[in-house]
Amino acid sequence: MVQSPVSREKPRRSPWLSVAVLSLLVFTGCNTTPDAGESARLNSRFTEEQPALSGDGRLLAFVTNRNGTAQIAVYDRDRQAFLTLPGLNRNGLMVQNPSLSRTGRYIAYLTHDQGRPEIALYDQALQRSEIVSRRYRDWIRNPKISPDGRYISFETARRGQWDVEILDRGPNVELDLADGTLIDP
């Protein structure tokens, strides 16, 4: 009796199985949605940079890409939780360099309006942002707000080199004071 030779060929795998496994690895590895536990922690697997503390040291603001785009996050160190700040992060706007006043009522930061860098100011009490640097037509960067929230220092290229300027929000702004007391100018 003649026996057929034993085939030594490897069994063929479906090319679709390889594609499916590779796709699963790619899509789960690139997931930009944080899980519930991760979104409540200060540090995550996402990029977090440009930290700034409030004058009283309670709040920490930084730029993060936890939600798929660069946004400003504000973390309350006492409560160990993130603040919900309606009106701060708007879709499609780039944000950089957050700076906090004494209690964090005011957040100064750099954003881009029609391709130009602008200084924006977020007021937690009013829950809104506004551009405060419209009169500066030259490039600006690195805004820092004073503890009381009246002044914002920044760099400008107005004279063809980086110089420091101070924007005075005026004597009638509501100051950010530790106990909330208003001061008569």
C-alpha atoms as a PDB file:
ATOM      1  CA  MET A   1       0.000   0.000   0.000  1.00  0.00           C
ATOM      2  CA  VAL A   2       1.297   3.466  -0.950  1.00  0.00           C
ATOM      3  CA  GLN A   3       0.979   6.208   1.588  1.00  0.00           C
ATOM      4  CA  SER A   4       0.639   9.754   0.532  1.00  0.00           C
ATOM      5  CA  PRO A   5       3.381  12.039   1.750  1.00  0.00           C
ATOM      6  CA  VAL A   6       2.583  14.140   4.807  1.00  0.00           C
ATOM      7  CA  SER A   7       2.129  17.753   3.889  1.00  0.00           C
ATOM      8  CA  ARG A   8       4.529  20.012   5.716  1.00  0.00           C
ATOM      9  CA  GLU A   9       2.888  23.252   4.584  1.00  0.00           C
ATOM     10  CA  LYS A  10       1.713  25.614   7.301  1.00  0.00           C
ATOM     11  CA  PRO A  11      -2.016  26.057   7.486  1.00  0.00           C
ATOM     12  CA  ARG A  12      -3.164  29.210   5.728  1.00  0.00           C
ATOM     13  CA  ARG A  13      -4.581  32.008   7.849  1.00  0.00           C
ATOM     14  CA  SER A  14      -7.166  34.292   6.500  1.00  0.00           C
ATOM     15  CA  PRO A  15      -5.707  37.721   5.661  1.00  0.00           C
ATOM     16  CA  TRP A  16      -8.870  39.218   7.143  1.00  0.00           C
ATOM     17  CA  LEU A  17      -7.991  37.835  10.580  1.00  0.00           C
ATOM     18  CA  SER A  18      -4.662  39.687  10.518  1.00  0.00           C
ATOM     19  CA  VAL A  19      -6.343  42.895   9.414  1.00  0.00           C
ATOM     20  CA  ALA A  20      -8.976  42.571  12.142  1.00  0.00           C
ATOM     21  CA  VAL A  21      -6.377  41.979  14.880  1.00  0.00           C
ATOM     22  CA  LEU A  22      -4.188  44.854  13.665  1.00  0.00           C
ATOM     23  CA  SER A  23      -7.199  47.203  13.481  1.00  0.00           C
ATOM     24  CA  LEU A  24      -8.234  46.276  17.010  1.00  0.00           C
ATOM     25  CA  LEU A  25      -4.745  47.028  18.317  1.00  0.00           C
ATOM     26  CA  VAL A  26      -4.507  50.339  16.477  1.00  0.00           C
ATOM     27  CA  PHE A  27      -7.959  51.618  17.466  1.00  0.00           C
ATOM     28  CA  THR A  28      -7.693  50.682  21.123  1.00  0.00           C
ATOM     29  CA  GLY A  29      -4.136  52.014  21.357  1.00  0.00           C
ATOM     30  CA  CYS A  30      -5.113  55.371  19.845  1.00  0.00           C
ATOM     31  CA  ASN A  31      -8.243  55.903  21.874  1.00  0.00           C
ATOM     32  CA  THR A  32      -8.306  59.558  22.989  1.00  0.00           C
ATOM     33  CA  THR A  33     -11.263  59.199  25.307  1.00  0.00           C
ATOM     34  CA  PRO A  34     -10.124  58.983  28.917  1.00  0.00           C
ATOM     35  CA  ASP A  35     -11.804  56.476  31.161  1.00  0.00           C
ATOM     36  CA  ALA A  36     -13.826  57.777  34.114  1.00  0.00           C
ATOM     37  CA  GLY A  37     -11.080  57.130  36.653  1.00  0.00           C
ATOM     38  CA  GLU A  38      -8.398  58.713  34.532  1.00  0.00           C
ATOM     39  CA  SER A  39     -10.348  61.915  33.895  1.00  0.00           C
ATOM     40  CA  ALA A  40     -10.641  62.513  37.662  1.00  0.00           C
ATOM     41  CA  ARG A  41      -6.888  62.187  38.333  1.00  0.00           C
ATOM     42  CA  LEU A  42      -4.418  65.029  38.077  1.00  0.00           C
ATOM     43  CA  ASN A  43      -1.992  63.223  35.773  1.00  0.00           C
ATOM     44  CA  SER A  44      -3.025  60.975  32.914  1.00  0.00           C
ATOM     45  CA  ARG A  45      -1.525  59.216  29.916  1.00  0.00           C
ATOM     46  CA  PHE A  46      -2.209  62.327  27.834  1.00  0.00           C
ATOM     47  CA  THR A  47       0.024  65.360  27.323  1.00  0.00           C
ATOM     48  CA  GLU A  48      -0.254  67.868  30.159  1.00  0.00           C
ATOM     49  CA  GLU A  49       1.910  70.960  30.114  1.00  0.00           C
ATOM     50  CA  GLN A  50       2.321  74.641  30.972  1.00  0.00           C
ATOM     51  CA  PRO A  51       1.218  74.424  34.638  1.00  0.00           C
ATOM     52  CA  ALA A  52       0.320  77.543  36.625  1.00  0.00           C
ATOM     53  CA  LEU A  53      -0.735  77.861  40.267  1.00  0.00           C
ATOM     54  CA  SER A  54      -3.193  80.387  41.633  1.00  0.00           C
ATOM     55  CA  GLY A  55      -1.746  82.938  44.065  1.00  0.00           C
ATOM     56  CA  ASP A  56      -3.174  81.044  47.050  1.00  0.00           C
ATOM     57  CA  GLY A  57      -1.812  77.724  45.733  1.00  0.00           C
ATOM     58  CA  ARG A  58      -5.194  76.014  45.736  1.00  0.00           C
ATOM     59  CA  LEU A  59      -5.859  75.804  41.980  1.00  0.00           C
ATOM     60  CA  LEU A  60      -3.626  74.412  39.268  1.00  0.00           C
ATOM     61  CA  ALA A  61      -4.309  75.286  35.616  1.00  0.00           C
ATOM     62  CA  PHE A  62      -2.607  73.533  32.732  1.00  0.00           C
ATOM     63  CA  VAL A  63      -3.066  72.630  29.080  1.00  0.00           C
ATOM     64  CA  THR A  64      -4.113  69.047  28.395  1.00  0.00           C
ATOM     65  CA  ASN A  65      -5.251  67.033  25.391  1.00  0.00           C
ATOM     66  CA  ARG A  66      -7.380  64.564  27.399  1.00  0.00           C
ATOM     67  CA  ASN A  67     -10.420  65.263  25.238  1.00  0.00           C
ATOM     68  CA  GLY A  68      -8.630  65.062  21.896  1.00  0.00           C
ATOM     69  CA  THR A  69      -7.788  68.776  21.573  1.00  0.00           C
ATOM     70  CA  ALA A  70      -5.736  71.185  23.642  1.00  0.00           C
ATOM     71  CA  GLN A  71      -7.857  72.578  26.464  1.00  0.00           C
ATOM     72  CA  ILE A  72      -7.253  74.337  29.753  1.00  0.00           C
ATOM     73  CA  ALA A  73      -8.013  72.199  32.788  1.00  0.00           C
ATOM     74  CA  VAL A  74      -8.227  73.619  36.319  1.00  0.00           C
ATOM     75  CA  TYR A  75      -7.633  71.258  39.220  1.00  0.00           C
ATOM     76  CA  ASP A  76      -8.671  72.063  42.808  1.00  0.00           C
ATOM     77  CA  ARG A  77      -5.893  70.672  45.002  1.00  0.00           C
ATOM     78  CA  ASP A  78      -8.001  70.812  48.184  1.00  0.00           C
ATOM     79  CA  ARG A  79     -10.945  68.882  46.747  1.00  0.00           C
ATOM     80  CA  GLN A  80      -8.731  66.796  44.435  1.00  0.00           C
ATOM     81  CA  ALA A  81     -11.142  67.363  41.573  1.00  0.00           C
ATOM     82  CA  PHE A  82     -11.334  69.279  38.322  1.00  0.00           C
ATOM     83  CA  LEU A  83     -13.499  72.400  38.098  1.00  0.00           C
ATOM     84  CA  THR A  84     -16.234  72.637  35.497  1.00  0.00           C
ATOM     85  CA  LEU A  85     -15.733  75.964  33.759  1.00  0.00           C
ATOM     86  CA  PRO A  86     -18.446  76.653  31.151  1.00  0.00           C
ATOM     87  CA  GLY A  87     -17.317  79.040  28.419  1.00  0.00           C
ATOM     88  CA  LEU A  88     -13.583  78.504  28.940  1.00  0.00           C
ATOM     89  CA  ASN A  89     -12.765  75.922  26.270  1.00  0.00           C
ATOM     90  CA  ARG A  90     -14.444  76.420  22.923  1.00  0.00           C
ATOM     91  CA  ASN A  91     -14.137  73.925  20.072  1.00  0.00           C
ATOM     92  CA  GLY A  92     -11.568  74.767  17.453  1.00  0.00           C
ATOM     93  CA  LEU A  93      -9.694  77.411  19.467  1.00  0.00           C
ATOM     94  CA  MET A  94      -6.107  76.782  20.405  1.00  0.00           C
ATOM     95  CA  VAL A  95      -5.148  77.638  23.996  1.00  0.00           C
ATOM     96  CA  GLN A  96      -1.753  78.106  25.639  1.00  0.00           C
ATOM     97  CA  ASN A  97      -0.029  79.520  28.703  1.00  0.00           C
ATOM     98  CA  PRO A  98      -2.763  79.756  31.349  1.00  0.00           C
ATOM     99  CA  SER A  99      -2.142  82.108  34.269  1.00  0.00           C
ATOM    100  CA  LEU A 100      -4.309  82.385  37.397  1.00  0.00           C
ATOM    101  CA  SER A 101      -5.098  85.292  39.675  1.00  0.00           C
ATOM    102  CA  ARG A 102      -4.951  84.984  43.485  1.00  0.00           C
ATOM    103  CA  THR A 103      -7.991  82.730  44.015  1.00  0.00           C
ATOM    104  CA  GLY A 104      -8.263  81.637  40.370  1.00  0.00           C
ATOM    105  CA  ARG A 105     -11.266  83.819  39.609  1.00  0.00           C
ATOM    106  CA  TYR A 106      -9.456  85.151  36.541  1.00  0.00           C
ATOM    107  CA  ILE A 107      -7.573  83.016  34.039  1.00  0.00           C
ATOM    108  CA  ALA A 108      -5.472  84.796  31.433  1.00  0.00           C
ATOM    109  CA  TYR A 109      -4.354  82.663  28.507  1.00  0.00           C
ATOM    110  CA  LEU A 110      -3.219  82.823  24.923  1.00  0.00           C
ATOM    111  CA  THR A 111      -5.639  81.868  22.167  1.00  0.00           C
ATOM    112  CA  HIS A 112      -5.726  82.379  18.428  1.00  0.00           C
ATOM    113  CA  ASP A 113      -8.341  84.525  16.726  1.00  0.00           C
ATOM    114  CA  GLN A 114      -8.295  84.386  12.926  1.00  0.00           C
ATOM    115  CA  GLY A 115      -4.752  83.021  13.005  1.00  0.00           C
ATOM    116  CA  ARG A 116      -3.351  85.707  15.302  1.00  0.00           C
ATOM    117  CA  PRO A 117      -2.391  85.157  18.924  1.00  0.00           C
ATOM    118  CA  GLU A 118      -4.611  87.032  21.369  1.00  0.00           C
ATOM    119  CA  ILE A 119      -4.806  87.257  25.144  1.00  0.00           C
ATOM    120  CA  ALA A 120      -8.115  86.042  26.505  1.00  0.00           C
ATOM    121  CA  LEU A 121      -9.421  86.470  30.017  1.00  0.00           C
ATOM    122  CA  TYR A 122     -11.853  84.028  31.621  1.00  0.00           C
ATOM    123  CA  ASP A 123     -13.901  85.215  34.604  1.00  0.00           C
ATOM    124  CA  GLN A 124     -15.150  82.311  36.738  1.00  0.00           C
ATOM    125  CA  ALA A 125     -17.815  84.487  38.352  1.00  0.00           C
ATOM    126  CA  LEU A 126     -19.331  85.399  34.965  1.00  0.00           C
ATOM    127  CA  GLN A 127     -18.388  82.083  33.301  1.00  0.00           C
ATOM    128  CA  ARG A 128     -17.203  83.702  30.098  1.00  0.00           C
ATOM    129  CA  SER A 129     -14.067  84.534  28.157  1.00  0.00           C
ATOM    130  CA  GLU A 130     -13.238  87.709  26.313  1.00  0.00           C
ATOM    131  CA  ILE A 131     -10.320  88.858  24.177  1.00  0.00           C
ATOM    132  CA  VAL A 132      -8.497  91.670  26.011  1.00  0.00           C
ATOM    133  CA  SER A 133      -5.618  92.325  23.603  1.00  0.00           C
ATOM    134  CA  ARG A 134      -7.431  93.528  20.456  1.00  0.00           C
ATOM    135  CA  ARG A 135      -5.438  96.775  20.262  1.00  0.00           C
ATOM    136  CA  TYR A 136      -2.137  94.851  19.976  1.00  0.00           C
ATOM    137  CA  ARG A 137      -1.680  94.005  16.311  1.00  0.00           C
ATOM    138  CA  ASP A 138       1.757  92.477  16.688  1.00  0.00           C
ATOM    139  CA  TRP A 139       2.657  88.995  17.871  1.00  0.00           C
ATOM    140  CA  ILE A 140       2.194  88.368  21.578  1.00  0.00           C
ATOM    141  CA  ARG A 141       3.005  85.495  23.915  1.00  0.00           C
ATOM    142  CA  ASN A 142       3.281  84.337  27.562  1.00  0.00           C
ATOM    143  CA  PRO A 143       0.511  86.259  29.369  1.00  0.00           C
ATOM    144  CA  LYS A 144       0.703  86.403  33.187  1.00  0.00           C
ATOM    145  CA  ILE A 145      -2.059  87.903  35.308  1.00  0.00           C
ATOM    146  CA  SER A 146      -1.387  89.792  38.542  1.00  0.00           C
ATOM    147  CA  PRO A 147      -2.700  88.247  41.779  1.00  0.00           C
ATOM    148  CA  ASP A 148      -5.486  90.851  42.029  1.00  0.00           C
ATOM    149  CA  GLY A 149      -6.476  90.358  38.367  1.00  0.00           C
ATOM    150  CA  ARG A 150      -6.053  93.967  37.272  1.00  0.00           C
ATOM    151  CA  TYR A 151      -2.817  93.681  35.258  1.00  0.00           C
ATOM    152  CA  ILE A 152      -1.660  91.250  32.597  1.00  0.00           C
ATOM    153  CA  SER A 153       1.985  91.217  31.608  1.00  0.00           C
ATOM    154  CA  PHE A 154       3.042  89.647  28.313  1.00  0.00           C
ATOM    155  CA  GLU A 155       5.665  89.679  25.591  1.00  0.00           C
ATOM    156  CA  THR A 156       5.109  91.509  22.313  1.00  0.00           C
ATOM    157  CA  ALA A 157       7.097  91.808  19.084  1.00  0.00           C
ATOM    158  CA  ARG A 158       5.846  95.318  18.380  1.00  0.00           C
ATOM    159  CA  ARG A 159       9.354  96.754  17.838  1.00  0.00           C
ATOM    160  CA  GLY A 160      10.733  93.767  15.929  1.00  0.00           C
ATOM    161  CA  GLN A 161      12.088  92.094  19.048  1.00  0.00           C
ATOM    162  CA  TRP A 162      10.443  90.536  22.103  1.00  0.00           C
ATOM    163  CA  ASP A 163       9.639  93.195  24.693  1.00  0.00           C
ATOM    164  CA  VAL A 164       7.570  93.134  27.870  1.00  0.00           C
ATOM    165  CA  GLU A 165       4.334  95.098  28.166  1.00  0.00           C
ATOM    166  CA  ILE A 166       1.636  95.434  30.800  1.00  0.00           C
ATOM    167  CA  LEU A 167      -2.057  95.643  30.045  1.00  0.00           C
ATOM    168  CA  ASP A 168      -3.988  97.560  32.715  1.00  0.00           C
ATOM    169  CA  ARG A 169      -7.611  96.385  32.851  1.00  0.00           C
ATOM    170  CA  GLY A 170      -8.507  99.638  34.608  1.00  0.00           C
ATOM    171  CA  PRO A 171      -9.360 100.899  38.076  1.00  0.00           C
ATOM    172  CA  ASN A 172     -12.980  99.725  37.904  1.00  0.00           C
ATOM    173  CA  VAL A 173     -12.383  95.981  37.531  1.00  0.00           C
ATOM    174  CA  GLU A 174     -13.532  93.763  40.352  1.00  0.00           C
ATOM    175  CA  LEU A 175     -10.293  92.673  41.997  1.00  0.00           C
ATOM    176  CA  ASP A 176      -9.573  89.107  43.005  1.00  0.00           C
ATOM    177  CA  LEU A 177      -8.960  89.410  46.725  1.00  0.00           C
ATOM    178  CA  ALA A 178      -8.493  86.557  49.154  1.00  0.00           C
ATOM    179  CA  ASP A 179     -11.490  87.454  51.307  1.00  0.00           C
ATOM    180  CA  GLY A 180     -13.585  89.100  48.573  1.00  0.00           C
ATOM    181  CA  THR A 181     -13.316  92.576  50.101  1.00  0.00           C
ATOM    182  CA  LEU A 182     -13.539  95.418  47.586  1.00  0.00           C
ATOM    183  CA  ILE A 183     -10.979  98.204  47.753  1.00  0.00           C
ATOM    184  CA  ASP A 184     -11.918 101.793  46.917  1.00  0.00           C
ATOM    185  CA  PRO A 185      -9.312 103.199  44.490  1.00  0.00           C
END
